[in-house]
Amino acid sequence: MLYYLLYPLHESIGVFNVFKYITFRTFGATITAIMMCLLLGGRYIRWLKEKQIGQSIRELGPQSHLSKKGTPTMGGGLILGCISISTLLWADLRNHYVWVALFVMLGTGLVGWVDDYRKVVQKNSKGLSAKQKLIAQTLVAVIAATFLYIMRDTPPVLKFPFFKDWSIDLGVFFIPFATLVIVGTSNAVNLTDGLDGLAVGPTITTSLTFAMLAYCAGHFIIAEYLQIPFISGAGELSIFLASTAAACLGFLWYNSYPAEVFMGDVGALALGGALGVSAVITKNELLLVICGGIFVVEAVSVMMQVASFKLTGKRIFKMAPIHHHFELKGWPEPKVIVRFWIISILLALASLSTLKLR
């Protein structure tokens, strides 16, 4: 919006020429998102308390979590609002990648909101069933993937990190593959969101990493130099992703241990969806496995636990997802969180290093 309002003025007032540059607008979006989250966070938490929108705690979970009962949840609504407003203010709204990313984020966020609303407001402990959530997420992802396939701006290929010439032409199978990436990432982030700030930290590092990757993919000279696919228009996604990282950082002010508010499914499912669709657009689906390694390990730990118990009657971990395993081993919650953050930072750096290892 600001791009349309202010950039045309550069012909008479030269300083407005800076709005042409994605880098400037990315910094503007970053500042906007984090300041909005910091300034509105306190009021939003008070509103949640007034509406008695508090978290319920599973009795089967770690006993140390029982004290968190009643902590306001659905804080993800604040994150999504800050991301959306910041993106709409600073991005070039003619860019369809921006709209696809917002659609996936808000669509999966809506699924999470309905689930949270049923659990917290309507006091329905089951919320949406796993099948209902999966169908709704898949519908959102299929619409986005089909649109990207029809537009053909995003090549329907699977690129391999570390290898400049390795790729697989997926053809029409791009649609189910992209759907799997989006839905899988959405659920993986949701599984990670079990401790105060645990999911937010890796989301910040992954969003920032993909903001850089999106900028590189959308810049012809840089893409050619790094020998990565050039995706015309993908650079605008860096504004969306920087807003995502900034909004999460602002939310972390209130979500860090001990949390004043939880993001709930409305935030976790949406943030995962946003990361998944960004990986699809920039052709970094496999790199997301490395950069978002924390999310992958959390999801795999649940699958391993379920499979092991069904096949052998034994559990691999003390509790899944794996962050609860370390809690039950005696690690204090803040130690689990910070160590997972450190691993996430290392994985983000490893992901960026692949740009030169091709």
Protein backbone atom coordinates (compact mmCIF):
# COMPACT_ATOMS: atom_id res chain seq x y z
CA MET A 1 0.00 0.00 0.00
CA LEU A 2 2.79 2.43 0.93
CA TYR A 3 4.56 1.33 -2.24
CA TYR A 4 1.66 2.65 -4.35
CA LEU A 5 1.12 5.78 -2.29
CA LEU A 6 4.70 6.96 -1.89
CA TYR A 7 6.85 5.53 -4.68
CA PRO A 8 5.08 7.54 -7.44
CA LEU A 9 6.16 10.70 -5.59
CA HIS A 10 9.84 9.99 -6.35
CA GLU A 11 9.58 11.96 -9.60
CA SER A 12 9.13 15.17 -7.62
CA ILE A 13 10.67 14.19 -4.29
CA GLY A 14 13.73 12.01 -4.89
CA VAL A 15 13.86 10.48 -1.43
CA PHE A 16 10.76 8.38 -2.16
CA ASN A 17 12.77 6.42 -4.70
CA VAL A 18 13.86 4.15 -1.81
CA PHE A 19 10.42 2.50 -1.91
CA LYS A 20 11.48 0.86 -5.15
CA TYR A 21 13.95 -1.33 -3.27
CA ILE A 22 12.84 -4.58 -1.67
CA THR A 23 15.57 -4.27 0.96
CA PHE A 24 14.25 -0.93 2.22
CA ARG A 25 10.67 -2.17 2.31
CA THR A 26 11.79 -5.35 4.07
CA PHE A 27 13.37 -3.32 6.87
CA GLY A 28 10.25 -1.15 7.04
CA ALA A 29 8.02 -4.22 7.31
CA THR A 30 10.27 -5.71 9.99
CA ILE A 31 10.09 -2.61 12.17
CA THR A 32 6.33 -2.27 11.62
CA ALA A 33 5.56 -5.88 12.56
CA ILE A 34 7.67 -5.98 15.72
CA MET A 35 6.47 -2.59 16.99
CA MET A 36 2.83 -3.51 16.40
CA CYS A 37 3.27 -6.76 18.28
CA LEU A 38 5.04 -5.10 21.21
CA LEU A 39 2.57 -2.23 21.46
CA LEU A 40 -0.60 -4.29 21.06
CA GLY A 41 0.53 -7.42 22.90
CA GLY A 42 -0.38 -6.25 26.41
CA ARG A 43 -3.84 -5.10 25.37
CA TYR A 44 -4.46 -8.28 23.44
CA ILE A 45 -3.52 -10.43 26.44
CA ARG A 46 -5.85 -8.41 28.70
CA TRP A 47 -8.66 -8.90 26.18
CA LEU A 48 -8.05 -12.66 26.15
CA LYS A 49 -8.19 -12.71 29.94
CA GLU A 50 -11.42 -10.73 29.97
CA LYS A 51 -12.94 -13.26 27.57
CA GLN A 52 -11.53 -16.09 29.73
CA ILE A 53 -9.76 -17.64 26.76
CA GLY A 54 -7.37 -19.80 28.78
CA GLN A 55 -5.29 -22.86 27.95
CA SER A 56 -6.37 -26.30 29.14
CA ILE A 57 -3.56 -28.70 30.11
CA ARG A 58 -3.48 -32.44 29.42
CA GLU A 59 -3.35 -34.49 32.59
CA LEU A 60 -1.09 -36.97 30.81
CA GLY A 61 1.51 -34.28 30.16
CA PRO A 62 4.42 -33.32 32.42
CA GLN A 63 3.18 -32.38 35.90
CA SER A 64 5.15 -29.13 35.78
CA HIS A 65 2.74 -27.90 33.08
CA LEU A 66 -0.31 -28.02 35.34
CA SER A 67 0.56 -24.58 36.69
CA LYS A 68 0.06 -23.16 33.19
CA LYS A 69 -3.63 -23.95 33.19
CA GLY A 70 -5.67 -20.84 32.41
CA THR A 71 -2.85 -18.97 30.67
CA PRO A 72 -4.41 -17.00 27.78
CA THR A 73 -4.15 -18.80 24.42
CA MET A 74 -5.00 -18.00 20.78
CA GLY A 75 -2.23 -15.40 20.90
CA GLY A 76 -1.41 -16.42 17.35
CA GLY A 77 -4.16 -14.08 16.23
CA LEU A 78 -1.92 -11.18 17.22
CA ILE A 79 0.98 -12.61 15.19
CA LEU A 80 -1.14 -13.13 12.08
CA GLY A 81 -2.62 -9.65 12.34
CA CYS A 82 0.80 -8.00 12.60
CA ILE A 83 2.20 -10.06 9.69
CA SER A 84 -0.78 -9.32 7.46
CA ILE A 85 -0.90 -5.58 8.11
CA SER A 86 2.86 -5.17 7.78
CA THR A 87 2.94 -7.15 4.53
CA LEU A 88 0.00 -5.26 3.04
CA LEU A 89 1.64 -1.95 3.95
CA TRP A 90 5.08 -2.63 2.52
CA ALA A 91 4.81 -5.30 -0.22
CA ASP A 92 4.04 -4.81 -3.89
CA LEU A 93 0.44 -6.03 -3.91
CA ARG A 94 0.57 -6.81 -7.64
CA ASN A 95 2.81 -9.76 -6.75
CA HIS A 96 0.75 -12.95 -6.63
CA TYR A 97 3.31 -14.78 -4.46
CA VAL A 98 2.50 -12.40 -1.62
CA TRP A 99 -1.19 -13.21 -1.92
CA VAL A 100 -0.55 -16.96 -2.09
CA ALA A 101 1.57 -16.79 1.07
CA LEU A 102 -1.06 -14.72 2.90
CA PHE A 103 -3.82 -17.08 1.71
CA VAL A 104 -2.03 -20.17 3.04
CA MET A 105 -1.11 -18.49 6.33
CA LEU A 106 -4.60 -17.16 7.01
CA GLY A 107 -6.30 -20.29 5.67
CA THR A 108 -4.38 -22.67 7.94
CA GLY A 109 -4.71 -20.11 10.71
CA LEU A 110 -8.49 -20.24 10.31
CA VAL A 111 -8.38 -24.02 10.75
CA GLY A 112 -6.40 -23.53 13.96
CA TRP A 113 -8.76 -20.78 15.14
CA VAL A 114 -11.80 -23.04 14.77
CA ASP A 115 -9.99 -25.79 16.68
CA ASP A 116 -8.95 -23.39 19.46
CA TYR A 117 -12.40 -21.81 19.61
CA ARG A 118 -14.10 -25.15 20.09
CA LYS A 119 -11.64 -26.21 22.78
CA VAL A 120 -11.35 -22.99 24.74
CA VAL A 121 -14.56 -21.03 24.20
CA GLN A 122 -17.08 -23.80 23.59
CA LYS A 123 -15.29 -26.07 26.13
CA ASN A 124 -15.23 -28.96 23.65
CA SER A 125 -12.05 -30.76 24.68
CA LYS A 126 -11.75 -32.53 21.32
CA GLY A 127 -11.97 -29.41 19.17
CA LEU A 128 -11.68 -30.39 15.54
CA SER A 129 -10.87 -34.04 14.98
CA ALA A 130 -7.52 -34.88 13.44
CA LYS A 131 -9.32 -35.90 10.26
CA GLN A 132 -11.24 -32.64 10.04
CA LYS A 133 -8.09 -30.56 10.55
CA LEU A 134 -6.18 -32.55 7.95
CA ILE A 135 -8.94 -32.22 5.35
CA ALA A 136 -9.22 -28.46 5.91
CA GLN A 137 -5.44 -27.94 5.78
CA THR A 138 -5.20 -30.06 2.65
CA LEU A 139 -7.93 -28.05 0.95
CA VAL A 140 -6.04 -24.80 1.59
CA ALA A 141 -2.76 -26.31 0.41
CA VAL A 142 -4.26 -27.85 -2.74
CA ILE A 143 -5.78 -24.51 -3.78
CA ALA A 144 -2.42 -22.77 -3.35
CA ALA A 145 -0.43 -25.53 -5.07
CA THR A 146 -2.85 -25.70 -8.00
CA PHE A 147 -2.68 -21.93 -8.47
CA LEU A 148 1.14 -22.00 -8.47
CA TYR A 149 1.13 -24.88 -10.97
CA ILE A 150 -1.29 -23.13 -13.33
CA MET A 151 0.60 -19.83 -13.16
CA ARG A 152 3.81 -21.66 -14.12
CA ASP A 153 6.01 -18.89 -12.66
CA THR A 154 7.26 -21.45 -10.16
CA PRO A 155 8.89 -24.31 -12.08
CA PRO A 156 7.36 -27.68 -11.04
CA VAL A 157 10.73 -29.18 -10.19
CA LEU A 158 12.37 -30.55 -7.05
CA LYS A 159 15.83 -29.06 -6.50
CA PHE A 160 18.50 -30.76 -4.41
CA PRO A 161 20.70 -28.75 -2.01
CA PHE A 162 24.47 -29.01 -2.57
CA PHE A 163 23.98 -29.97 -6.26
CA LYS A 164 23.51 -27.27 -8.90
CA ASP A 165 22.35 -29.61 -11.67
CA TRP A 166 20.29 -32.13 -9.72
CA SER A 167 16.55 -31.70 -10.10
CA ILE A 168 13.43 -33.75 -10.77
CA ASP A 169 10.65 -32.48 -13.02
CA LEU A 170 7.51 -33.26 -11.03
CA GLY A 171 5.02 -32.21 -13.68
CA VAL A 172 1.46 -32.41 -12.41
CA PHE A 173 2.74 -34.27 -9.33
CA PHE A 174 3.97 -30.87 -8.17
CA ILE A 175 0.47 -30.30 -6.75
CA PRO A 176 0.39 -33.26 -4.30
CA PHE A 177 4.06 -32.72 -3.44
CA ALA A 178 3.57 -29.03 -2.64
CA THR A 179 0.44 -29.93 -0.67
CA LEU A 180 2.43 -32.43 1.38
CA VAL A 181 5.13 -29.86 2.13
CA ILE A 182 2.65 -27.20 3.24
CA VAL A 183 0.46 -29.50 5.36
CA GLY A 184 3.45 -31.35 6.81
CA THR A 185 5.21 -28.15 7.85
CA SER A 186 2.01 -26.73 9.31
CA ASN A 187 1.54 -29.76 11.55
CA ALA A 188 5.23 -30.03 12.42
CA VAL A 189 5.30 -26.48 13.81
CA ASN A 190 2.10 -27.23 15.71
CA LEU A 191 3.70 -30.28 17.35
CA THR A 192 6.72 -28.18 18.33
CA ASP A 193 4.55 -25.63 20.11
CA GLY A 194 4.56 -27.35 23.49
CA LEU A 195 6.86 -25.20 25.64
CA ASP A 196 7.05 -21.45 26.25
CA GLY A 197 8.62 -19.92 23.15
CA LEU A 198 9.89 -23.25 21.81
CA ALA A 199 8.19 -23.02 18.40
CA VAL A 200 8.68 -19.26 18.08
CA GLY A 201 12.49 -19.41 18.18
CA PRO A 202 12.96 -21.83 15.24
CA THR A 203 10.21 -20.01 13.34
CA ILE A 204 12.22 -16.79 13.60
CA THR A 205 15.46 -18.38 12.38
CA THR A 206 13.72 -20.28 9.57
CA SER A 207 11.74 -17.21 8.45
CA LEU A 208 14.87 -15.06 8.33
CA THR A 209 16.74 -17.74 6.40
CA PHE A 210 13.97 -18.05 3.84
CA ALA A 211 13.69 -14.27 3.59
CA MET A 212 17.31 -14.27 2.40
CA LEU A 213 16.68 -17.22 0.08
CA ALA A 214 13.60 -15.52 -1.39
CA TYR A 215 15.54 -12.33 -2.06
CA CYS A 216 18.32 -14.28 -3.76
CA ALA A 217 15.86 -16.32 -5.84
CA GLY A 218 14.08 -13.16 -7.01
CA HIS A 219 17.29 -11.32 -8.00
CA PHE A 220 18.48 -12.49 -11.43
CA ILE A 221 22.16 -11.60 -10.98
CA ILE A 222 22.44 -13.13 -7.50
CA ALA A 223 20.51 -16.24 -8.54
CA GLU A 224 22.75 -16.71 -11.55
CA TYR A 225 25.89 -16.22 -9.46
CA LEU A 226 24.74 -18.70 -6.79
CA GLN A 227 23.41 -21.08 -9.46
CA ILE A 228 19.96 -21.32 -7.89
CA PRO A 229 16.61 -21.16 -9.73
CA PHE A 230 15.60 -17.61 -10.61
CA ILE A 231 11.96 -17.09 -9.60
CA SER A 232 10.77 -13.76 -10.95
CA GLY A 233 8.89 -11.87 -8.24
CA ALA A 234 9.94 -14.17 -5.39
CA GLY A 235 11.92 -11.33 -3.82
CA GLU A 236 8.70 -9.77 -2.51
CA LEU A 237 8.30 -12.81 -0.27
CA SER A 238 11.25 -11.53 1.77
CA ILE A 239 8.94 -8.77 3.03
CA PHE A 240 6.34 -11.33 4.12
CA LEU A 241 8.95 -13.58 5.75
CA ALA A 242 10.74 -10.73 7.50
CA SER A 243 7.36 -9.62 8.86
CA THR A 244 6.80 -13.17 10.08
CA ALA A 245 10.14 -13.25 11.91
CA ALA A 246 9.57 -9.78 13.38
CA ALA A 247 6.03 -10.51 14.57
CA CYS A 248 7.27 -13.72 16.21
CA LEU A 249 10.09 -11.81 17.89
CA GLY A 250 7.60 -9.28 19.25
CA PHE A 251 5.34 -12.10 20.42
CA LEU A 252 8.30 -13.75 22.14
CA TRP A 253 8.38 -10.75 24.50
CA TYR A 254 5.18 -12.15 26.01
CA ASN A 255 5.61 -15.83 25.15
CA SER A 256 9.07 -16.38 26.66
CA TYR A 257 9.30 -18.45 29.86
CA PRO A 258 7.15 -18.13 31.91
CA ALA A 259 4.67 -17.38 29.13
CA GLU A 260 1.99 -14.73 29.57
CA VAL A 261 0.21 -16.04 26.46
CA PHE A 262 0.31 -19.06 24.15
CA MET A 263 -0.05 -18.83 20.38
CA GLY A 264 -2.44 -21.80 20.12
CA ASP A 265 -3.21 -23.72 16.94
CA VAL A 266 -4.28 -20.50 15.22
CA GLY A 267 -0.65 -19.37 15.33
CA ALA A 268 1.26 -22.64 15.03
CA LEU A 269 -0.65 -24.07 12.07
CA ALA A 270 -0.50 -20.73 10.25
CA LEU A 271 3.22 -20.15 10.76
CA GLY A 272 4.00 -23.68 9.59
CA GLY A 273 1.84 -23.17 6.52
CA ALA A 274 3.62 -19.90 5.76
CA LEU A 275 7.04 -21.54 5.93
CA GLY A 276 5.89 -24.48 3.83
CA VAL A 277 4.49 -22.39 0.98
CA SER A 278 7.59 -20.15 1.03
CA ALA A 279 9.78 -23.22 0.57
CA VAL A 280 7.61 -24.37 -2.34
CA ILE A 281 7.73 -21.00 -4.11
CA THR A 282 11.50 -20.56 -3.74
CA LYS A 283 12.20 -24.22 -4.67
CA ASN A 284 13.79 -24.98 -1.31
CA GLU A 285 11.52 -27.77 -0.13
CA LEU A 286 14.40 -30.10 0.77
CA LEU A 287 16.38 -27.27 2.32
CA LEU A 288 13.42 -26.69 4.64
CA VAL A 289 14.12 -30.14 6.11
CA ILE A 290 17.57 -28.88 7.15
CA CYS A 291 16.65 -25.34 8.17
CA GLY A 292 13.48 -26.44 9.97
CA GLY A 293 15.19 -29.49 11.42
CA ILE A 294 13.72 -28.88 14.87
CA PHE A 295 10.21 -29.12 13.42
CA VAL A 296 11.17 -32.27 11.51
CA VAL A 297 12.61 -33.99 14.59
CA GLU A 298 9.55 -33.10 16.66
CA ALA A 299 7.20 -34.55 14.05
CA VAL A 300 9.32 -37.66 13.45
CA SER A 301 9.53 -38.32 17.20
CA VAL A 302 5.73 -38.50 17.36
CA MET A 303 5.55 -40.83 14.36
CA MET A 304 8.25 -43.08 15.79
CA GLN A 305 6.55 -43.19 19.19
CA VAL A 306 3.17 -44.10 17.72
CA ALA A 307 4.61 -46.70 15.34
CA SER A 308 6.74 -48.31 18.04
CA PHE A 309 3.85 -48.53 20.52
CA LYS A 310 1.47 -50.02 17.94
CA LEU A 311 4.01 -52.56 16.67
CA THR A 312 5.80 -53.57 19.87
CA GLY A 313 3.78 -52.10 22.73
CA LYS A 314 6.89 -50.18 23.83
CA ARG A 315 7.69 -46.48 23.73
CA ILE A 316 10.97 -45.13 22.34
CA PHE A 317 10.75 -41.86 24.25
CA LYS A 318 9.50 -41.11 27.74
CA MET A 319 6.95 -38.86 26.03
CA ALA A 320 6.47 -37.42 22.56
CA PRO A 321 7.00 -34.90 21.04
CA ILE A 322 10.65 -35.15 21.93
CA HIS A 323 10.84 -31.91 23.95
CA HIS A 324 8.71 -33.62 26.62
CA HIS A 325 11.18 -36.52 26.64
CA PHE A 326 13.97 -34.19 27.73
CA GLU A 327 11.70 -32.58 30.31
CA LEU A 328 10.99 -35.96 31.88
CA LYS A 329 14.71 -36.70 31.85
CA GLY A 330 15.12 -33.78 34.24
CA TRP A 331 16.01 -30.88 31.96
CA PRO A 332 14.41 -27.62 33.17
CA GLU A 333 12.00 -26.17 30.62
CA PRO A 334 14.15 -23.07 29.85
CA LYS A 335 17.16 -25.33 29.15
CA VAL A 336 15.18 -27.42 26.64
CA ILE A 337 13.94 -24.27 24.92
CA VAL A 338 17.29 -22.48 24.64
CA ARG A 339 19.15 -25.59 23.49
CA PHE A 340 16.58 -26.18 20.77
CA TRP A 341 16.97 -22.53 19.74
CA ILE A 342 20.75 -22.95 19.50
CA ILE A 343 20.33 -26.02 17.30
CA SER A 344 17.89 -24.08 15.12
CA ILE A 345 20.42 -21.27 14.62
CA LEU A 346 23.10 -23.77 13.64
CA LEU A 347 20.75 -25.42 11.16
CA ALA A 348 19.88 -22.03 9.65
CA LEU A 349 23.57 -21.25 9.15
CA ALA A 350 24.11 -24.69 7.63
CA SER A 351 21.24 -24.05 5.22
CA LEU A 352 22.68 -20.73 4.08
CA SER A 353 26.07 -22.35 3.55
CA THR A 354 24.56 -24.60 0.88
CA LEU A 355 24.28 -21.55 -1.38
CA LYS A 356 28.03 -21.75 -1.97
CA LEU A 357 28.29 -25.54 -1.94
CA ARG A 358 26.83 -26.19 -5.36
